[in-house]
N, C-alpha and C. Protein backbone atom coordinates (compact mmCIF):
# COMPACT_ATOMS: atom_id res chain seq x y z
N MET A 1 -5.15 3.02 5.36
CA MET A 1 -4.45 4.39 5.73
C MET A 1 -2.78 3.57 5.14
N VAL A 2 -2.60 4.58 4.20
CA VAL A 2 -0.81 4.11 3.80
C VAL A 2 -0.35 5.63 3.22
N CYS A 3 0.98 5.18 3.65
CA CYS A 3 2.28 6.46 3.63
C CYS A 3 3.55 5.98 2.88
N PHE A 4 4.04 7.02 2.07
CA PHE A 4 5.42 6.22 1.84
C PHE A 4 6.31 6.95 2.32
N GLN A 5 7.70 6.46 2.74
CA GLN A 5 8.56 6.83 3.39
C GLN A 5 9.56 6.74 1.97
N LYS A 6 10.17 7.79 1.83
CA LYS A 6 11.71 7.67 0.80
C LYS A 6 12.51 7.54 1.32
N LYS A 7 13.19 7.91 2.39
CA LYS A 7 14.16 7.11 2.78
C LYS A 7 13.85 5.93 3.37
N GLY A 8 14.95 5.05 2.44
CA GLY A 8 14.42 3.72 2.62
C GLY A 8 13.72 2.76 1.82
N ASP A 9 12.68 3.54 1.24
CA ASP A 9 11.93 3.15 0.19
C ASP A 9 10.69 1.60 0.92
N LYS A 10 10.05 2.59 2.13
CA LYS A 10 9.33 1.81 2.55
C LYS A 10 7.46 2.23 2.51
N LEU A 11 6.86 1.37 2.28
CA LEU A 11 5.53 1.81 2.63
C LEU A 11 4.87 1.00 3.79
N TRP A 12 4.11 2.05 4.38
CA TRP A 12 3.40 2.02 6.18
C TRP A 12 1.93 1.55 5.50
N VAL A 13 1.36 0.32 6.35
CA VAL A 13 0.15 0.45 5.93
C VAL A 13 -0.68 -0.03 7.35
N LYS A 14 -1.71 1.06 7.77
CA LYS A 14 -2.59 0.85 8.84
C LYS A 14 -3.90 0.52 8.40
N ASP A 15 -4.15 -0.63 9.18
CA ASP A 15 -5.42 -1.05 9.42
C ASP A 15 -6.25 -0.42 10.59
N THR A 16 -7.38 0.16 9.60
CA THR A 16 -7.92 1.19 10.83
C THR A 16 -9.70 0.65 11.49
N LYS A 17 -9.88 -0.33 11.17
CA LYS A 17 -11.41 -1.01 11.13
C LYS A 17 -10.98 -2.11 11.88
N LYS A 18 -11.63 -2.64 13.07
CA LYS A 18 -11.90 -4.06 13.31
C LYS A 18 -13.16 -4.78 12.32
N ASP A 19 -12.60 -5.05 11.44
CA ASP A 19 -14.22 -5.83 10.63
C ASP A 19 -13.64 -7.44 9.58
N GLY A 20 -12.23 -7.63 10.19
CA GLY A 20 -12.28 -9.18 9.86
C GLY A 20 -11.17 -9.17 8.43
N ARG A 21 -11.05 -7.85 7.67
CA ARG A 21 -10.23 -7.95 6.37
C ARG A 21 -8.92 -7.33 6.64
N ILE A 22 -8.30 -7.22 6.04
CA ILE A 22 -7.36 -6.75 5.70
C ILE A 22 -6.96 -5.38 5.02
N ALA A 23 -5.54 -4.59 5.96
CA ALA A 23 -5.87 -3.32 4.72
C ALA A 23 -4.00 -3.57 3.98
N VAL A 24 -4.51 -3.23 2.85
CA VAL A 24 -3.36 -2.92 1.86
C VAL A 24 -2.91 -1.94 1.04
N GLY A 25 -1.46 -1.59 0.62
CA GLY A 25 -1.43 -0.67 0.32
C GLY A 25 -0.59 -0.98 -1.37
N TYR A 26 -1.05 -0.62 -2.04
CA TYR A 26 -1.31 -0.40 -3.56
C TYR A 26 -0.27 0.37 -4.43
N TRP A 27 1.11 0.25 -5.02
CA TRP A 27 1.89 1.31 -5.83
C TRP A 27 2.14 0.86 -7.33
N GLY A 28 2.49 1.51 -8.00
CA GLY A 28 3.55 1.04 -9.01
C GLY A 28 4.22 2.54 -9.84
N TYR A 29 4.65 2.22 -10.58
CA TYR A 29 5.63 3.79 -11.42
C TYR A 29 4.34 4.22 -12.40
N ILE A 30 4.23 5.45 -12.23
CA ILE A 30 3.40 5.88 -13.45
C ILE A 30 3.42 5.65 -14.36
N GLY A 31 2.49 5.41 -15.20
CA GLY A 31 2.47 4.59 -16.71
C GLY A 31 2.94 3.17 -16.27
N LYS A 32 3.07 2.40 -15.53
CA LYS A 32 3.10 1.35 -15.71
C LYS A 32 2.16 0.29 -14.95
N GLY A 33 1.19 0.83 -14.49
CA GLY A 33 -0.11 0.34 -13.70
C GLY A 33 0.09 0.52 -11.82
N TRP A 34 -1.32 1.15 -11.19
CA TRP A 34 -0.96 1.10 -10.08
C TRP A 34 -0.59 -0.03 -9.15
N ALA A 35 -0.88 -0.88 -9.80
CA ALA A 35 -1.27 -1.89 -8.76
C ALA A 35 -0.21 -2.84 -8.85
N ASP A 36 0.90 -2.82 -9.41
CA ASP A 36 1.75 -3.54 -9.65
C ASP A 36 2.79 -3.93 -8.59
N HIS A 37 2.08 -3.94 -7.51
CA HIS A 37 2.77 -4.24 -5.94
C HIS A 37 2.26 -3.97 -4.91
N THR A 38 1.98 -4.77 -4.30
CA THR A 38 0.81 -4.72 -2.85
C THR A 38 1.68 -5.11 -1.58
N CYS A 39 1.17 -4.07 -0.50
CA CYS A 39 2.02 -4.39 0.68
C CYS A 39 0.32 -4.91 1.78
N SER A 40 0.80 -5.86 2.27
CA SER A 40 -0.29 -6.41 3.06
C SER A 40 -0.16 -6.13 4.29
N ASN A 41 -1.28 -6.06 5.17
CA ASN A 41 -0.88 -5.80 6.65
C ASN A 41 -2.02 -6.75 7.42
N GLU A 42 -1.96 -7.45 7.96
CA GLU A 42 -2.82 -8.67 8.46
C GLU A 42 -2.54 -8.80 9.92
N LEU A 43 -1.74 -7.48 10.54
CA LEU A 43 -1.38 -7.52 11.75
C LEU A 43 -2.69 -7.38 12.81
N GLY A 44 -3.97 -6.77 12.15
CA GLY A 44 -4.89 -6.41 12.82
C GLY A 44 -5.34 -4.79 13.28
N SER A 45 -6.40 -4.76 13.64
CA SER A 45 -6.99 -2.91 13.83
C SER A 45 -5.67 -2.14 14.51
N GLY A 46 -5.98 -1.20 14.13
CA GLY A 46 -4.63 -0.12 15.19
C GLY A 46 -3.37 -0.39 15.03
N GLN A 47 -2.96 -1.61 14.27
CA GLN A 47 -1.45 -1.94 13.91
C GLN A 47 -1.03 -1.22 12.26
N TRP A 48 0.41 -0.85 12.33
CA TRP A 48 1.02 -0.35 11.13
C TRP A 48 1.82 -1.74 10.54
N GLY A 49 1.63 -1.96 9.64
CA GLY A 49 2.71 -3.06 8.93
C GLY A 49 3.66 -2.16 7.87
N ILE A 50 4.64 -2.73 7.67
CA ILE A 50 5.72 -1.66 6.83
C ILE A 50 6.47 -3.09 5.72
N CYS A 51 5.99 -2.61 4.67
CA CYS A 51 7.24 -2.76 3.21
C CYS A 51 8.04 -2.71 3.13
N ASN A 52 9.23 -2.88 2.52
CA ASN A 52 10.51 -2.58 2.28
C ASN A 52 10.84 -2.87 1.12
N TYR A 53 10.88 -1.97 0.26
CA TYR A 53 11.37 -2.13 -1.33
C TYR A 53 12.56 -1.38 -1.95
N ASN A 54 13.23 -2.10 -2.99
CA ASN A 54 14.23 -1.38 -3.68
C ASN A 54 13.49 -0.77 -4.86
N MET A 55 13.02 0.56 -4.72
CA MET A 55 12.38 1.28 -6.28
C MET A 55 13.86 1.98 -7.05
N LYS A 56 13.15 2.60 -7.82
CA LYS A 56 14.22 2.87 -8.91
C LYS A 56 14.15 4.67 -8.42
N GLU A 57 15.35 4.60 -8.49
CA GLU A 57 15.56 6.05 -7.86
C GLU A 57 15.12 7.44 -8.69
N GLY A 58 14.38 8.42 -8.41
CA GLY A 58 14.23 9.54 -9.43
C GLY A 58 12.88 8.67 -9.98
N LYS A 59 12.41 7.67 -9.76
CA LYS A 59 10.99 7.68 -10.67
C LYS A 59 9.76 7.90 -9.82
N SER A 60 8.87 8.17 -10.46
CA SER A 60 7.49 9.01 -10.11
C SER A 60 6.73 7.73 -9.93
N LEU A 61 5.88 7.69 -8.53
CA LEU A 61 5.16 6.24 -8.43
C LEU A 61 3.65 6.91 -7.91
N SER A 62 2.85 6.38 -8.30
CA SER A 62 1.62 6.47 -7.35
C SER A 62 1.26 5.08 -6.06
N PHE A 63 0.23 5.67 -5.15
CA PHE A 63 0.29 4.67 -4.26
C PHE A 63 -1.05 5.32 -3.41
N LYS A 64 -1.89 3.92 -3.03
CA LYS A 64 -3.39 4.20 -2.96
C LYS A 64 -3.98 3.07 -1.50
N SER A 65 -4.65 3.06 -0.63
CA SER A 65 -4.82 2.69 0.31
C SER A 65 -6.29 1.77 -0.39
N GLY A 66 -6.52 0.22 0.41
CA GLY A 66 -7.13 -0.75 -0.05
C GLY A 66 -7.98 -1.36 1.19
N VAL A 67 -8.87 -2.17 1.11
CA VAL A 67 -9.40 -3.01 2.27
C VAL A 67 -9.31 -4.09 0.99
N ALA A 68 -9.25 -5.86 1.33
CA ALA A 68 -9.45 -6.48 1.11
C ALA A 68 -9.84 -7.86 2.01
N LYS A 69 -10.04 -8.79 1.59
CA LYS A 69 -10.20 -10.37 2.22
C LYS A 69 -8.71 -10.73 2.43
N LYS A 70 -8.77 -11.68 3.89
CA LYS A 70 -7.51 -12.43 4.16
C LYS A 70 -6.92 -13.37 2.67
N GLY A 71 -6.07 -12.93 2.29
CA GLY A 71 -5.14 -13.86 1.28
C GLY A 71 -6.00 -13.50 -0.04
N SER A 72 -6.18 -12.59 -0.44
CA SER A 72 -7.02 -11.77 -1.50
C SER A 72 -6.43 -10.70 -1.80
N PRO A 73 -5.14 -10.12 -1.64
CA PRO A 73 -4.58 -8.73 -1.47
C PRO A 73 -5.03 -7.91 -3.12
N LYS A 74 -5.12 -9.02 -3.90
CA LYS A 74 -5.25 -8.09 -5.33
C LYS A 74 -6.54 -7.81 -5.54
N ASN A 75 -7.39 -8.75 -4.69
CA ASN A 75 -8.92 -8.33 -4.76
C ASN A 75 -9.47 -7.24 -3.84
N PRO A 76 -9.42 -5.90 -4.15
CA PRO A 76 -10.11 -5.43 -3.05
C PRO A 76 -11.63 -4.83 -3.01
N TYR A 77 -11.98 -4.72 -1.81
CA TYR A 77 -13.27 -4.46 -1.16
C TYR A 77 -13.66 -2.69 -1.52
N TYR A 78 -12.28 -2.15 -1.10
CA TYR A 78 -12.44 -0.57 -1.14
C TYR A 78 -11.13 -0.20 -1.91
N MET A 79 -11.18 0.64 -2.17
CA MET A 79 -9.68 1.32 -2.67
C MET A 79 -10.33 3.23 -2.34
N GLY A 80 -8.83 3.12 -1.36
CA GLY A 80 -8.96 5.19 -1.18
C GLY A 80 -8.37 5.80 -2.92
N GLY A 81 -8.16 7.11 -2.30
CA GLY A 81 -7.73 8.13 -3.39
C GLY A 81 -5.80 7.67 -3.78
N THR A 82 -6.06 8.58 -4.53
CA THR A 82 -4.44 8.14 -5.44
C THR A 82 -3.26 9.21 -5.04
N GLN A 83 -2.54 9.06 -4.64
CA GLN A 83 -1.32 9.74 -3.81
C GLN A 83 -0.09 9.25 -5.16
N TYR A 84 0.75 10.96 -4.90
CA TYR A 84 1.94 10.67 -5.88
C TYR A 84 3.15 10.84 -5.07
N ALA A 85 4.53 10.44 -5.20
CA ALA A 85 5.73 10.99 -4.62
C ALA A 85 6.61 9.98 -5.59
N LYS A 86 7.84 10.59 -5.30
CA LYS A 86 9.00 10.64 -6.50
C LYS A 86 10.13 9.54 -5.41
N ALA A 87 10.34 8.28 -5.77
CA ALA A 87 11.27 7.21 -5.23
C ALA A 87 12.93 7.91 -5.23
């Protein structure tokens, strides 16, 4: 699960399953690629991880959640649906 907090430019990522994998939030500016940036949560099931960014104000971005093997956040096993927001 991934949530975007506009104030502070934070991406929150929650691991919702005890499966030994990590929860990952992927985001990017629209038109530049959705996986430009990753936010990995290796805290374990039921925990929220937070990544703090300095996003370009007023730019549109897309983000989605994924599940990956530890150490390989750019190679997801599963990707969720895309969500959109403005930084």
